C-alpha atoms as a PDB file:
ATOM      1  CA  MET A   1     101.901  27.171  14.313  1.00  0.00           C
ATOM      2  CA  GLU A   2     101.509  29.398  17.265  1.00  0.00           C
ATOM      3  CA  ASN A   3     104.188  27.699  19.197  1.00  0.00           C
ATOM      4  CA  PRO A   4     106.649  26.097  16.784  1.00  0.00           C
ATOM      5  CA  ALA A   5     108.700  24.252  19.348  1.00  0.00           C
ATOM      6  CA  ARG A   6     105.765  22.481  20.842  1.00  0.00           C
ATOM      7  CA  GLU A   7     103.696  21.983  17.700  1.00  0.00           C
ATOM      8  CA  ILE A   8     106.485  20.692  15.384  1.00  0.00           C
ATOM      9  CA  GLU A   9     106.410  17.076  16.677  1.00  0.00           C
ATOM     10  CA  SER A  10     102.786  16.613  15.662  1.00  0.00           C
ATOM     11  CA  VAL A  11     103.562  18.381  12.241  1.00  0.00           C
ATOM     12  CA  VAL A  12     106.543  15.868  11.550  1.00  0.00           C
ATOM     13  CA  ARG A  13     104.393  12.762  12.545  1.00  0.00           C
ATOM     14  CA  SER A  14     101.457  13.910  10.283  1.00  0.00           C
ATOM     15  CA  LEU A  15     104.153  14.306   7.355  1.00  0.00           C
ATOM     16  CA  THR A  16     105.914  11.000   7.951  1.00  0.00           C
ATOM     17  CA  GLN A  17     103.333   8.610   9.562  1.00  0.00           C
ATOM     18  CA  GLY A  18      99.930  10.237   8.507  1.00  0.00           C
ATOM     19  CA  SER A  19      97.482   9.204   5.863  1.00  0.00           C
ATOM     20  CA  PRO A  20      97.710  10.796   2.384  1.00  0.00           C
ATOM     21  CA  ASP A  21      95.014  13.289   3.427  1.00  0.00           C
ATOM     22  CA  GLU A  22      96.713  14.148   6.578  1.00  0.00           C
ATOM     23  CA  GLN A  23     100.032  14.618   4.773  1.00  0.00           C
ATOM     24  CA  ARG A  24      98.437  16.845   2.134  1.00  0.00           C
ATOM     25  CA  ASN A  25      96.587  18.941   4.850  1.00  0.00           C
ATOM     26  CA  ALA A  26      99.729  19.228   7.031  1.00  0.00           C
ATOM     27  CA  ILE A  27     101.872  20.491   4.032  1.00  0.00           C
ATOM     28  CA  TYR A  28      99.321  23.097   2.812  1.00  0.00           C
ATOM     29  CA  ARG A  29      98.642  24.243   6.437  1.00  0.00           C
ATOM     30  CA  TYR A  30     102.160  24.455   7.894  1.00  0.00           C
ATOM     31  CA  TYR A  31     104.146  25.225   4.795  1.00  0.00           C
ATOM     32  CA  ALA A  32     104.219  28.687   3.168  1.00  0.00           C
ATOM     33  CA  PRO A  33     103.241  29.090  -0.536  1.00  0.00           C
ATOM     34  CA  GLY A  34     106.547  28.693  -2.529  1.00  0.00           C
ATOM     35  CA  ALA A  35     108.285  26.938   0.221  1.00  0.00           C
ATOM     36  CA  ALA A  36     111.808  25.391  -0.646  1.00  0.00           C
ATOM     37  CA  PHE A  37     112.806  21.817   0.330  1.00  0.00           C
ATOM     38  CA  GLU A  38     116.343  20.397   0.136  1.00  0.00           C
ATOM     39  CA  HIS A  39     117.382  16.855   1.007  1.00  0.00           C
ATOM     40  CA  PRO A  40     120.586  14.865   0.117  1.00  0.00           C
ATOM     41  CA  PHE A  41     118.631  12.947  -2.406  1.00  0.00           C
ATOM     42  CA  CYS A  42     116.151  15.474  -3.818  1.00  0.00           C
ATOM     43  CA  ARG A  43     115.546  19.179  -4.027  1.00  0.00           C
ATOM     44  CA  VAL A  44     112.477  21.392  -4.630  1.00  0.00           C
ATOM     45  CA  PRO A  45     113.232  25.010  -5.555  1.00  0.00           C
ATOM     46  CA  SER A  46     110.966  27.839  -4.331  1.00  0.00           C
ATOM     47  CA  PHE A  47     108.210  28.742  -6.934  1.00  0.00           C
ATOM     48  CA  LYS A  48     104.586  29.634  -6.967  1.00  0.00           C
ATOM     49  CA  GLY A  49     101.817  30.715  -9.302  1.00  0.00           C
ATOM     50  CA  VAL A  50     103.001  28.323 -12.127  1.00  0.00           C
ATOM     51  CA  HIS A  51     100.136  27.430 -14.422  1.00  0.00           C
ATOM     52  CA  VAL A  52     100.058  23.833 -15.548  1.00  0.00           C
ATOM     53  CA  PRO A  53      97.619  22.852 -18.260  1.00  0.00           C
ATOM     54  CA  GLY A  54      94.870  20.626 -16.989  1.00  0.00           C
ATOM     55  CA  ILE A  55      95.665  21.315 -13.239  1.00  0.00           C
ATOM     56  CA  GLY A  56      95.788  24.997 -12.844  1.00  0.00           C
ATOM     57  CA  ASN A  57      98.175  27.231 -10.762  1.00  0.00           C
ATOM     58  CA  VAL A  58     100.547  25.136  -8.506  1.00  0.00           C
ATOM     59  CA  ASP A  59     103.377  26.023  -6.268  1.00  0.00           C
ATOM     60  CA  SER A  60     106.254  24.125  -4.849  1.00  0.00           C
ATOM     61  CA  ARG A  61     104.082  22.542  -2.086  1.00  0.00           C
ATOM     62  CA  ALA A  62     102.562  20.195  -4.679  1.00  0.00           C
ATOM     63  CA  LEU A  63     106.042  18.737  -5.240  1.00  0.00           C
ATOM     64  CA  ILE A  64     106.819  18.497  -1.527  1.00  0.00           C
ATOM     65  CA  ALA A  65     103.541  16.631  -1.004  1.00  0.00           C
ATOM     66  CA  ALA A  66     104.551  14.217  -3.736  1.00  0.00           C
ATOM     67  CA  ILE A  67     107.902  13.585  -2.122  1.00  0.00           C
ATOM     68  CA  TYR A  68     106.434  12.941   1.278  1.00  0.00           C
ATOM     69  CA  ARG A  69     103.737  10.608  -0.366  1.00  0.00           C
ATOM     70  CA  TRP A  70     106.431   8.573  -2.077  1.00  0.00           C
ATOM     71  CA  TYR A  71     108.483   8.464   1.325  1.00  0.00           C
ATOM     72  CA  LYS A  72     105.310   6.982   2.879  1.00  0.00           C
ATOM     73  CA  ILE A  73     104.763   4.433   0.122  1.00  0.00           C
ATOM     74  CA  LEU A  74     108.467   3.390   0.272  1.00  0.00           C
ATOM     75  CA  SER A  75     108.395   2.988   4.147  1.00  0.00           C
ATOM     76  CA  PRO A  76     104.914   2.691   5.409  1.00  0.00           C
ATOM     77  CA  GLY A  77     106.206   1.621   8.976  1.00  0.00           C
ATOM     78  CA  THR A  78     108.656   4.402   9.622  1.00  0.00           C
ATOM     79  CA  ARG A  79     109.476   4.950  13.266  1.00  0.00           C
ATOM     80  CA  LEU A  80     110.737   8.356  14.238  1.00  0.00           C
ATOM     81  CA  SER A  81     111.493  10.308  17.419  1.00  0.00           C
ATOM     82  CA  ILE A  82     112.706  13.905  17.994  1.00  0.00           C
ATOM     83  CA  ASP A  83     115.747  13.929  20.184  1.00  0.00           C
ATOM     84  CA  SER A  84     115.994  17.745  20.557  1.00  0.00           C
ATOM     85  CA  CYS A  85     114.451  20.892  19.380  1.00  0.00           C
ATOM     86  CA  ALA A  86     115.664  24.437  19.487  1.00  0.00           C
ATOM     87  CA  HIS A  87     113.959  27.597  18.250  1.00  0.00           C
ATOM     88  CA  ASP A  88     115.962  30.747  17.580  1.00  0.00           C
ATOM     89  CA  PRO A  89     113.384  33.722  17.600  1.00  0.00           C
ATOM     90  CA  GLN A  90     115.870  36.193  16.345  1.00  0.00           C
ATOM     91  CA  THR A  91     116.243  34.364  12.918  1.00  0.00           C
ATOM     92  CA  GLN A  92     113.068  32.364  13.187  1.00  0.00           C
ATOM     93  CA  THR A  93     114.916  29.120  12.642  1.00  0.00           C
ATOM     94  CA  LEU A  94     113.940  25.789  14.206  1.00  0.00           C
ATOM     95  CA  TYR A  95     116.579  23.177  14.641  1.00  0.00           C
ATOM     96  CA  LEU A  96     115.486  19.515  14.934  1.00  0.00           C
ATOM     97  CA  SER A  97     117.634  16.399  15.801  1.00  0.00           C
ATOM     98  CA  LEU A  98     115.773  13.283  14.830  1.00  0.00           C
ATOM     99  CA  THR A  99     116.146   9.528  14.844  1.00  0.00           C
ATOM    100  CA  GLN A 100     114.264   7.477  12.388  1.00  0.00           C
ATOM    101  CA  THR A 101     114.108   3.821  11.233  1.00  0.00           C
ATOM    102  CA  PHE A 102     113.500   3.711   7.546  1.00  0.00           C
ATOM    103  CA  SER A 103     112.430   0.242   6.123  1.00  0.00           C
ATOM    104  CA  ILE A 104     111.770  -0.174   2.440  1.00  0.00           C
ATOM    105  CA  ARG A 105     108.686  -2.332   1.908  1.00  0.00           C
ATOM    106  CA  PHE A 106     110.163  -3.878  -1.256  1.00  0.00           C
ATOM    107  CA  LEU A 107     113.298  -5.174   0.408  1.00  0.00           C
ATOM    108  CA  PRO A 108     112.405  -7.819   3.115  1.00  0.00           C
ATOM    109  CA  PHE A 109     115.579  -7.230   5.179  1.00  0.00           C
ATOM    110  CA  HIS A 110     115.964  -3.569   4.731  1.00  0.00           C
ATOM    111  CA  ARG A 111     116.112  -1.734   7.989  1.00  0.00           C
ATOM    112  CA  ALA A 112     118.034   1.654   8.319  1.00  0.00           C
ATOM    113  CA  PRO A 113     118.174   3.419  11.743  1.00  0.00           C
ATOM    114  CA  VAL A 114     119.581   6.812  10.863  1.00  0.00           C
ATOM    115  CA  ARG A 115     120.024  10.207  12.445  1.00  0.00           C
ATOM    116  CA  LEU A 116     119.317  13.540  10.759  1.00  0.00           C
ATOM    117  CA  THR A 117     119.332  17.145  11.487  1.00  0.00           C
ATOM    118  CA  SER A 118     116.531  19.234   9.972  1.00  0.00           C
ATOM    119  CA  VAL A 119     116.690  23.003   9.852  1.00  0.00           C
ATOM    120  CA  LEU A 120     113.387  24.930   9.268  1.00  0.00           C
ATOM    121  CA  HIS A 121     113.257  28.512   8.355  1.00  0.00           C
ATOM    122  CA  LEU A 122     109.863  30.091   9.663  1.00  0.00           C
ATOM    123  CA  ALA A 123     107.829  32.901   8.230  1.00  0.00           C
ATOM    124  CA  GLU A 124     104.864  34.717   9.348  1.00  0.00           C
ATOM    125  CA  ALA A 125     101.643  33.002   8.029  1.00  0.00           C
ATOM    126  CA  PRO A 126      99.601  34.966   5.659  1.00  0.00           C
ATOM    127  CA  PRO A 127      96.182  36.079   6.802  1.00  0.00           C
ATOM    128  CA  ALA A 128      93.631  33.386   6.391  1.00  0.00           C
ATOM    129  CA  THR A 129      90.537  34.127   4.110  1.00  0.00           C
ATOM    130  CA  PRO A 130      87.206  33.234   5.570  1.00  0.00           C
ATOM    131  CA  ALA A 131      85.553  30.229   3.963  1.00  0.00           C
ATOM    132  CA  ALA A 132      82.489  30.958   1.847  1.00  0.00           C
ATOM    133  CA  PRO A 133      79.192  29.418   3.172  1.00  0.00           C
ATOM    134  CA  SER A 134      77.951  26.395   1.479  1.00  0.00           C
ATOM    135  CA  ALA A 135      74.855  26.415  -0.621  1.00  0.00           C
ATOM    136  CA  ALA A 136      73.016  24.293   1.918  1.00  0.00           C
ATOM    137  CA  ALA A 137      73.794  26.586   4.750  1.00  0.00           C
ATOM    138  CA  ALA A 138      72.724  29.762   2.796  1.00  0.00           C
ATOM    139  CA  PRO A 139      68.885  29.196   2.942  1.00  0.00           C
ATOM    140  CA  ALA A 140      69.067  28.382   6.611  1.00  0.00           C
ATOM    141  CA  ALA A 141      71.106  31.563   7.466  1.00  0.00           C
ATOM    142  CA  ALA A 142      68.763  33.502   5.356  1.00  0.00           C
ATOM    143  CA  SER A 143      65.682  32.153   7.143  1.00  0.00           C
ATOM    144  CA  ALA A 144      67.291  32.703  10.626  1.00  0.00           C
ATOM    145  CA  THR A 145      68.163  36.377   9.811  1.00  0.00           C
ATOM    146  CA  GLY A 146      64.935  37.014   7.805  1.00  0.00           C
ATOM    147  CA  ALA A 147      66.847  37.746   4.652  1.00  0.00           C
ATOM    148  CA  SER A 148      65.156  36.948   1.326  1.00  0.00           C
ATOM    149  CA  SER A 149      67.043  34.842  -1.208  1.00  0.00           C
ATOM    150  CA  PRO A 150      67.278  35.565  -4.824  1.00  0.00           C
ATOM    151  CA  GLY A 151      65.178  32.553  -5.708  1.00  0.00           C
ATOM    152  CA  ASP A 152      62.190  33.525  -3.572  1.00  0.00           C
ATOM    153  CA  GLY A 153      60.664  35.713  -6.289  1.00  0.00           C
ATOM    154  CA  ASP A 154      62.273  38.904  -5.009  1.00  0.00           C
ATOM    155  CA  ASP A 155      64.178  40.687  -7.814  1.00  0.00           C
ATOM    156  CA  HIS A 156      65.760  43.197  -5.521  1.00  0.00           C
ATOM    157  CA  ALA A 157      68.840  42.943  -3.371  1.00  0.00           C
ATOM    158  CA  THR A 158      68.946  40.815  -0.329  1.00  0.00           C
ATOM    159  CA  MET A 159      66.957  42.503   2.468  1.00  0.00           C
ATOM    160  CA  VAL A 160      67.031  41.818   6.290  1.00  0.00           C
ATOM    161  CA  HIS A 161      63.857  42.302   8.211  1.00  0.00           C
ATOM    162  CA  PRO A 162      64.656  42.825  11.880  1.00  0.00           C
ATOM    163  CA  THR A 163      62.611  41.077  14.542  1.00  0.00           C
ATOM    164  CA  PRO A 164      60.132  43.505  16.206  1.00  0.00           C
ATOM    165  CA  PRO A 165      61.003  44.096  20.001  1.00  0.00           C
ATOM    166  CA  PRO A 166      58.792  42.568  22.555  1.00  0.00           C
ATOM    167  CA  PRO A 167      56.119  44.793  24.033  1.00  0.00           C
ATOM    168  CA  TYR A 168      56.982  46.835  27.215  1.00  0.00           C
ATOM    169  CA  ASP A 169      55.458  45.176  30.362  1.00  0.00           C
ATOM    170  CA  ALA A 170      55.251  47.464  33.349  1.00  0.00           C
ATOM    171  CA  ALA A 171      53.964  44.877  35.703  1.00  0.00           C
ATOM    172  CA  GLN A 172      56.952  42.661  35.089  1.00  0.00           C
ATOM    173  CA  GLU A 173      59.317  45.592  35.628  1.00  0.00           C
ATOM    174  CA  LYS A 174      57.554  46.495  38.923  1.00  0.00           C
ATOM    175  CA  LEU A 175      57.840  42.924  40.109  1.00  0.00           C
ATOM    176  CA  HIS A 176      61.558  42.773  39.099  1.00  0.00           C
ATOM    177  CA  ALA A 177      62.144  45.948  41.129  1.00  0.00           C
ATOM    178  CA  VAL A 178      60.422  44.662  44.289  1.00  0.00           C
ATOM    179  CA  GLN A 179      62.285  41.391  44.047  1.00  0.00           C
ATOM    180  CA  GLU A 180      65.534  43.440  43.777  1.00  0.00           C
ATOM    181  CA  GLY A 181      64.584  45.546  46.776  1.00  0.00           C
ATOM    182  CA  ALA A 182      64.584  48.754  44.724  1.00  0.00           C
ATOM    183  CA  GLU A 183      60.925  49.321  45.496  1.00  0.00           C
ATOM    184  CA  PRO A 184      58.819  48.476  48.601  1.00  0.00           C
ATOM    185  CA  SER A 185      56.159  45.902  48.282  1.00  0.00           C
ATOM    186  CA  TYR A 186      52.454  46.589  48.797  1.00  0.00           C
ATOM    187  CA  ALA A 187      52.349  44.727  52.171  1.00  0.00           C
ATOM    188  CA  ALA A 188      55.250  46.869  53.519  1.00  0.00           C
ATOM    189  CA  VAL A 189      53.468  50.159  52.456  1.00  0.00           C
ATOM    190  CA  THR A 190      50.191  49.171  54.145  1.00  0.00           C
ATOM    191  CA  ALA A 191      52.018  48.095  57.284  1.00  0.00           C
ATOM    192  CA  GLY A 192      53.823  51.419  57.443  1.00  0.00           C
ATOM    193  CA  ASP A 193      57.265  49.952  57.698  1.00  0.00           C
ATOM    194  CA  ALA A 194      59.806  52.736  57.345  1.00  0.00           C
ATOM    195  CA  SER A 195      62.659  50.278  56.490  1.00  0.00           C
ATOM    196  CA  ALA A 196      60.747  49.304  53.396  1.00  0.00           C
ATOM    197  CA  SER A 197      62.271  52.173  51.477  1.00  0.00           C
ATOM    198  CA  PRO A 198      65.675  51.006  50.065  1.00  0.00           C
ATOM    199  CA  PRO A 199      68.866  52.964  50.587  1.00  0.00           C
ATOM    200  CA  ARG A 200      69.555  55.830  48.127  1.00  0.00           C
ATOM    201  CA  GLY A 201      72.610  54.260  46.488  1.00  0.00           C
ATOM    202  CA  LYS A 202      70.695  50.946  46.101  1.00  0.00           C
ATOM    203  CA  ARG A 203      67.699  52.829  44.632  1.00  0.00           C
ATOM    204  CA  ARG A 204      69.979  54.539  42.201  1.00  0.00           C
ATOM    205  CA  ARG A 205      71.590  51.342  41.088  1.00  0.00           C
ATOM    206  CA  SER A 206      68.436  49.442  40.911  1.00  0.00           C
ATOM    207  CA  SER A 207      66.694  52.155  38.910  1.00  0.00           C
ATOM    208  CA  SER A 208      69.493  52.357  36.534  1.00  0.00           C
ATOM    209  CA  ALA A 209      69.241  48.439  36.336  1.00  0.00           C
ATOM    210  CA  SER A 210      65.592  48.656  35.635  1.00  0.00           C
ATOM    211  CA  ALA A 211      66.159  51.471  32.991  1.00  0.00           C
ATOM    212  CA  SER A 212      68.641  49.262  31.220  1.00  0.00           C
ATOM    213  CA  ALA A 213      66.232  46.285  31.497  1.00  0.00           C
ATOM    214  CA  SER A 214      63.451  48.399  30.040  1.00  0.00           C
ATOM    215  CA  GLY A 215      65.853  49.707  27.391  1.00  0.00           C
ATOM    216  CA  ARG A 216      66.688  46.107  26.511  1.00  0.00           C
ATOM    217  CA  ALA A 217      63.017  45.192  26.447  1.00  0.00           C
ATOM    218  CA  LYS A 218      62.232  48.089  24.083  1.00  0.00           C
ATOM    219  CA  THR A 219      65.004  47.374  21.706  1.00  0.00           C
ATOM    220  CA  GLY A 220      64.830  43.563  22.035  1.00  0.00           C
ATOM    221  CA  ALA A 221      68.554  43.188  22.786  1.00  0.00           C
ATOM    222  CA  LYS A 222      69.691  40.252  24.817  1.00  0.00           C
ATOM    223  CA  PRO A 223      71.497  40.943  28.174  1.00  0.00           C
ATOM    224  CA  GLY A 224      75.301  40.682  27.830  1.00  0.00           C
ATOM    225  CA  ALA A 225      75.349  40.953  24.003  1.00  0.00           C
ATOM    226  CA  ALA A 226      77.383  44.052  23.951  1.00  0.00           C
ATOM    227  CA  GLY A 227      79.982  42.516  26.470  1.00  0.00           C
ATOM    228  CA  GLY A 228      80.034  39.469  24.392  1.00  0.00           C
ATOM    229  CA  GLU A 229      81.002  41.533  21.254  1.00  0.00           C
ATOM    230  CA  GLU A 230      83.691  43.400  23.228  1.00  0.00           C
ATOM    231  CA  GLU A 231      85.099  40.236  24.472  1.00  0.00           C
ATOM    232  CA  ARG A 232      85.183  38.771  20.921  1.00  0.00           C
ATOM    233  CA  GLY A 233      86.806  41.929  19.671  1.00  0.00           C
ATOM    234  CA  LYS A 234      89.520  41.730  22.348  1.00  0.00           C
ATOM    235  CA  GLY A 235      89.995  38.018  21.588  1.00  0.00           C
ATOM    236  CA  GLN A 236      90.597  38.827  17.926  1.00  0.00           C
ATOM    237  CA  GLU A 237      93.038  41.540  18.814  1.00  0.00           C
ATOM    238  CA  LYS A 238      94.991  39.292  21.050  1.00  0.00           C
ATOM    239  CA  LYS A 239      94.966  36.334  18.516  1.00  0.00           C
ATOM    240  CA  ALA A 240      98.338  34.621  18.593  1.00  0.00           C
ATOM    241  CA  GLN A 241     100.760  34.934  15.714  1.00  0.00           C
ATOM    242  CA  ARG A 242     101.030  31.975  13.315  1.00  0.00           C
ATOM    243  CA  TRP A 243     104.170  30.676  11.779  1.00  0.00           C
ATOM    244  CA  VAL A 244     104.696  28.499   8.592  1.00  0.00           C
ATOM    245  CA  ILE A 245     107.723  26.771   7.159  1.00  0.00           C
ATOM    246  CA  GLU A 246     109.272  28.813   4.507  1.00  0.00           C
ATOM    247  CA  ALA A 247     112.253  26.476   3.757  1.00  0.00           C
ATOM    248  CA  GLN A 248     113.525  23.012   4.929  1.00  0.00           C
ATOM    249  CA  TRP A 249     117.031  21.586   4.885  1.00  0.00           C
ATOM    250  CA  ASP A 250     117.700  18.004   5.896  1.00  0.00           C
ATOM    251  CA  PHE A 251     121.380  16.926   6.671  1.00  0.00           C
ATOM    252  CA  TYR A 252     122.638  13.252   7.023  1.00  0.00           C
ATOM    253  CA  THR A 253     126.114  12.100   7.687  1.00  0.00           C
ATOM    254  CA  ALA A 254     127.755  10.077   5.020  1.00  0.00           C
ATOM    255  CA  PRO A 255     127.280   6.614   6.680  1.00  0.00           C
ATOM    256  CA  ASP A 256     123.693   7.361   7.452  1.00  0.00           C
ATOM    257  CA  GLN A 257     123.160   8.251   3.756  1.00  0.00           C
ATOM    258  CA  ALA A 258     124.707   4.907   2.787  1.00  0.00           C
ATOM    259  CA  ARG A 259     122.605   3.175   5.530  1.00  0.00           C
ATOM    260  CA  LEU A 260     119.471   4.981   4.252  1.00  0.00           C
ATOM    261  CA  VAL A 261     119.920   3.455   0.816  1.00  0.00           C
ATOM    262  CA  ALA A 262     121.424   0.079   1.530  1.00  0.00           C
ATOM    263  CA  GLY A 263     120.116  -0.518   5.031  1.00  0.00           C
ATOM    264  CA  VAL A 264     122.372  -2.315   7.598  1.00  0.00           C
ATOM    265  CA  SER A 265     124.981  -3.633   5.123  1.00  0.00           C
ATOM    266  CA  PRO A 266     128.781  -3.455   4.744  1.00  0.00           C
ATOM    267  CA  ALA A 267     128.347  -0.170   2.700  1.00  0.00           C
ATOM    268  CA  SER A 268     128.092   1.900   5.869  1.00  0.00           C
ATOM    269  CA  ALA A 269     131.070  -0.066   7.451  1.00  0.00           C
ATOM    270  CA  VAL A 270     133.159   0.439   4.273  1.00  0.00           C
ATOM    271  CA  ILE A 271     132.358   4.247   4.533  1.00  0.00           C
ATOM    272  CA  GLY A 272     133.347   4.201   8.174  1.00  0.00           C
ATOM    273  CA  VAL A 273     136.646   2.719   7.283  1.00  0.00           C
ATOM    274  CA  LEU A 274     137.328   5.195   4.645  1.00  0.00           C
ATOM    275  CA  GLN A 275     136.494   8.076   7.117  1.00  0.00           C
ATOM    276  CA  LEU A 276     139.153   6.598   9.516  1.00  0.00           C
ATOM    277  CA  VAL A 277     141.748   6.426   6.705  1.00  0.00           C
ATOM    278  CA  SER A 278     140.982  10.075   5.769  1.00  0.00           C
ATOM    279  CA  MET A 279     141.337  11.000   9.307  1.00  0.00           C
ATOM    280  CA  ALA A 280     144.710   9.286   9.485  1.00  0.00           C
ATOM    281  CA  TRP A 281     145.769  10.956   6.310  1.00  0.00           C
ATOM    282  CA  CYS A 282     144.912  14.314   7.734  1.00  0.00           C
ATOM    283  CA  VAL A 283     147.004  13.777  10.862  1.00  0.00           C
ATOM    284  CA  ALA A 284     149.878  12.553   8.795  1.00  0.00           C
ATOM    285  CA  ALA A 285     149.696  15.406   6.308  1.00  0.00           C
ATOM    286  CA  ALA A 286     149.400  18.092   9.194  1.00  0.00           C
ATOM    287  CA  ALA A 287     152.594  16.569  10.780  1.00  0.00           C
ATOM    288  CA  ALA A 288     154.488  16.489   7.580  1.00  0.00           C
ATOM    289  CA  ALA A 289     153.438  20.048   6.710  1.00  0.00           C
ATOM    290  CA  GLU A 290     154.599  21.264  10.209  1.00  0.00           C
ATOM    291  CA  ARG A 291     157.960  19.714   9.650  1.00  0.00           C
ATOM    292  CA  VAL A 292     158.387  21.074   6.101  1.00  0.00           C
ATOM    293  CA  LEU A 293     157.294  24.552   7.173  1.00  0.00           C
ATOM    294  CA  GLY A 294     159.658  24.411  10.116  1.00  0.00           C
ATOM    295  CA  MET A 295     162.479  23.763   7.670  1.00  0.00           C
ATOM    296  CA  LEU A 296     161.322  26.595   5.350  1.00  0.00           C
ATOM    297  CA  ARG A 297     160.858  29.254   8.019  1.00  0.00           C
ATOM    298  CA  PRO A 298     164.412  30.522   7.705  1.00  0.00           C
ATOM    299  CA  VAL A 299     164.063  30.601   4.003  1.00  0.00           C
ATOM    300  CA  GLU A 300     160.729  32.277   4.379  1.00  0.00           C
ATOM    301  CA  ALA A 301     162.205  34.977   6.581  1.00  0.00           C
ATOM    302  CA  PHE A 302     165.038  35.498   3.921  1.00  0.00           C
ATOM    303  CA  VAL A 303     162.525  35.676   1.110  1.00  0.00           C
ATOM    304  CA  VAL A 304     160.390  38.221   2.954  1.00  0.00           C
ATOM    305  CA  ALA A 305     163.401  40.311   3.779  1.00  0.00           C
ATOM    306  CA  GLY A 306     164.510  40.247   0.203  1.00  0.00           C
ATOM    307  CA  TRP A 307     161.106  41.182  -1.085  1.00  0.00           C
ATOM    308  CA  GLU A 308     161.053  44.179   1.374  1.00  0.00           C
ATOM    309  CA  TYR A 309     164.478  45.184   0.164  1.00  0.00           C
ATOM    310  CA  LEU A 310     163.307  45.046  -3.512  1.00  0.00           C
ATOM    311  CA  ARG A 311     160.316  47.112  -2.766  1.00  0.00           C
ATOM    312  CA  LEU A 312     162.417  49.750  -1.134  1.00  0.00           C
ATOM    313  CA  VAL A 313     164.977  49.877  -3.985  1.00  0.00           C
ATOM    314  CA  ALA A 314     162.031  50.123  -6.589  1.00  0.00           C
ATOM    315  CA  HIS A 315     160.525  53.003  -4.544  1.00  0.00           C
ATOM    316  CA  LEU A 316     163.801  54.880  -4.448  1.00  0.00           C
ATOM    317  CA  LEU A 317     164.389  54.430  -8.135  1.00  0.00           C
ATOM    318  CA  TRP A 318     160.851  55.631  -8.928  1.00  0.00           C
ATOM    319  CA  ASN A 319     161.226  58.629  -6.758  1.00  0.00           C
ATOM    320  CA  SER A 320     164.624  59.561  -8.349  1.00  0.00           C
ATOM    321  CA  ALA A 321     163.179  59.134 -11.915  1.00  0.00           C
ATOM    322  CA  LEU A 322     160.187  61.342 -10.941  1.00  0.00           C
ATOM    323  CA  GLY A 323     162.727  63.896  -9.650  1.00  0.00           C
ATOM    324  CA  GLU A 324     164.692  63.929 -12.827  1.00  0.00           C
ATOM    325  CA  MET A 325     161.633  64.260 -14.930  1.00  0.00           C
ATOM    326  CA  ARG A 326     160.528  67.243 -12.976  1.00  0.00           C
ATOM    327  CA  THR A 327     164.020  68.929 -13.245  1.00  0.00           C
ATOM    328  CA  ARG A 328     163.939  68.409 -17.077  1.00  0.00           C
ATOM    329  CA  VAL A 329     160.498  69.851 -17.372  1.00  0.00           C
ATOM    330  CA  GLU A 330     161.303  72.940 -15.328  1.00  0.00           C
ATOM    331  CA  GLY A 331     164.473  73.604 -17.299  1.00  0.00           C
ATOM    332  CA  SER A 332     162.646  73.386 -20.703  1.00  0.00           C
ATOM    333  CA  ARG A 333     159.997  75.813 -19.351  1.00  0.00           C
ATOM    334  CA  GLY A 334     162.863  78.260 -18.343  1.00  0.00           C
ATOM    335  CA  ARG A 335     164.523  78.239 -21.731  1.00  0.00           C
ATOM    336  CA  ARG A 336     161.147  78.923 -23.319  1.00  0.00           C
ATOM    337  CA  VAL A 337     160.709  81.978 -21.094  1.00  0.00           C
ATOM    338  CA  LYS A 338     164.225  83.254 -21.833  1.00  0.00           C
ATOM    339  CA  GLY A 339     163.691  82.875 -25.630  1.00  0.00           C
ATOM    340  CA  SER A 340     160.450  84.858 -25.561  1.00  0.00           C
ATOM    341  CA  GLY A 341     162.139  87.696 -23.621  1.00  0.00           C
ATOM    342  CA  LYS A 342     164.971  88.047 -26.199  1.00  0.00           C
ATOM    343  CA  GLU A 343     162.401  88.069 -28.993  1.00  0.00           C
ATOM    344  CA  LYS A 344     160.641  91.048 -27.256  1.00  0.00           C
ATOM    345  CA  LYS A 345     163.838  93.047 -26.811  1.00  0.00           C
ATOM    346  CA  ALA A 346     164.787  92.527 -30.577  1.00  0.00           C
ATOM    347  CA  GLY A 347     161.461  93.782 -31.758  1.00  0.00           C
ATOM    348  CA  GLY A 348     161.750  97.024 -29.594  1.00  0.00           C
ATOM    349  CA  ARG A 349     165.209  97.950 -31.213  1.00  0.00           C
ATOM    350  CA  ILE A 350     163.746  97.683 -34.692  1.00  0.00           C
END
C-alpha cells in the first residue's frame, strides 16, 4: 500500500467479501512474510521459513489465508463498513473502527451486527523481485532483439546482433533544413533575396538540430529515446514507498463477542445485565472503601508516626552500637602497642 489510509478499505473488502483467489492474493500482497494475527477466537503467531513435508516452505500467511477462507465460508454474505480510519506515521500504526453484520449460513436466523476495532502495525514492503519471462515470450523477445536461442543450433552463449543504422541521406537533410528555415531555398537564391539568409542564432540552432538529426540517422537511434530513459530513471527514483501489514489485532466488546457467536439472542442481553451489575458493584465498593479509609485515616497517621519513631530509635541504637565497637577496637590496639613497648625496654636492659 502506498497510501494505507486510502487503500485499506479495498484491502478489507477483498479479505472479507472477495473470492478465494482475491483473498489469497490480498494476503500475500498486503501482508508481510511472517505476519502475526490475533483475534478473540483465534491467534496466529509470527513465523516464516517452516518446511512442511509435501508442501514446502510456508509462513504464517498460509494460516491467515485459511482463517479468512473459513470466515467467508461461514458467512458468505457479510456486510461491512469502515466507520473511521486513522494512520499514525510515527509508529506506522493504522486504527480502524468497523461495523459488520455476520450471518452464519448454517443457522437460518443467525444475524450478528457487531462493532470491532482493528489495529494494524505496518512495515516497509520488501523489494519486489522481477518476474521471470515465460517460455512462450522468450523466443519472441529473442527474435525482436536479434538474440539467438540455445535451441537454434548455436552452442555459444546468447549473442545480440544490433540492427544496422539507416544510410545517410544528404538530400533529406537539405530538405529538412530548408523547411526549418535554416538554409535558403533555390528559388530565393536565384531571385537574389537578401532576407533568404536566416538569422545567425536560428542558423546555429538549426545547424545543431540538423547535426543531431544526422547523428541519429548514423547511429539509428530514435528521437527522444535518451529523454525517455531519463524520465524512466527519474520515475523509478521517485517511486512511492509501499507498506505491508506486519501484525493485526482485532478487538470486540464482550456483548459483541457473545452476539458474534449466538447472534441476536438473550446471551448479549444477559452479558449487558451482568455488566450493569458489575458497574453497580464497583460504585458500591468505591463508596464503602472511601468510608472505611476515612475511618482509618487517624489510625493510618498514628501507624505512620509510630513507624517513623521506630526507625529513628533503631538508627540511634545502631549508631551507638557502632561507636562502642569502635571504642573497644581502638582500646585493644592501644594495649597491644603498650605491651610491645615494654618488651623492647626489657630486652634492652638484659
